[in-house]
Amino acid sequence: MSSIVPQINDWENVLELVNRLPKNFCILQAKSGFFGSLVYRSIIGSSDNFVWKPEFCGCAESLGPLEWPHKTEGYNIYELNNNKTYDWFKENHLATAHISHKLIEYCTLEEIIQHLDRKKILLLKTHNMDIHEKFLSKIIRIVGKTSEITDPKQSTFRKHRHKVFEEVSKENIHNLNIERFMNDDFDVFCDEYIILCRFLDLNSNINNVRQYILLLKEKIKRYEKTL
């Protein structure tokens, strides 16, 4: 089990709950730096069938999934790198779409039950790219690479930016190509987004999702120009 996910006290109970109620859960599988929080927000911002709570929004304000903070330049940071404190903080705060919901590998059963709604779907995020081997619920797997989205030489935060994550062929998995999803070409983005919506039975929210993606990309460019 330790080769699949970090050990927590009740991991087996978490796994059992999700697989007992697969229609009430969806897993978002994204390596750190592959815009998992952006995809998380895009999914929930496209349907009222997913759980969204104020404490998920990544800042002190009570916002919807596709709202940027009004009172600060960006979302709360996850952690500090003591060797590159300023650059790390700046990118972490300015050029990310952080959410404030724990990764599934660090959730306890109690924490998951706290957010569970039997009439909705709870989207759970993970950085573990092998976790799909364990779950029966629908899984969104972020694939491709990010080197065309951010400057590999500038980012201090996206440490896996040089990697390429391959697709996994499995009935309950949708492989989302992050380069296409965040592409400057509207038609390329739209094709990738609509396929995602069909897999998850979402009502598409093309304009708002696209607007949020472009806003984040603009903030990334601004960060890279002001280093």
Foldseek 3Di string as FASTA:
>chain_A
DCVQFNDDDPLVVLLVVCQVQQVQEEEEEAAFQLQSLLVVLQQVVQAPQEFDFQQFQQAPDRDHSLDADDPDQGGDADDADVVPGPLNRLCRGHQGRHTRDDAPSPDDPVSVVVRGDSRHHYYHYHNGPRNVVRGDHAYEYEFAACCVLAPPVRDPRRPCRVDTGDDDDDPRYDYQHSCQCLDPDLVSNVVSQVVVCVSVVTRHPSPSSNVSSVVSSVSRVVSSVPD
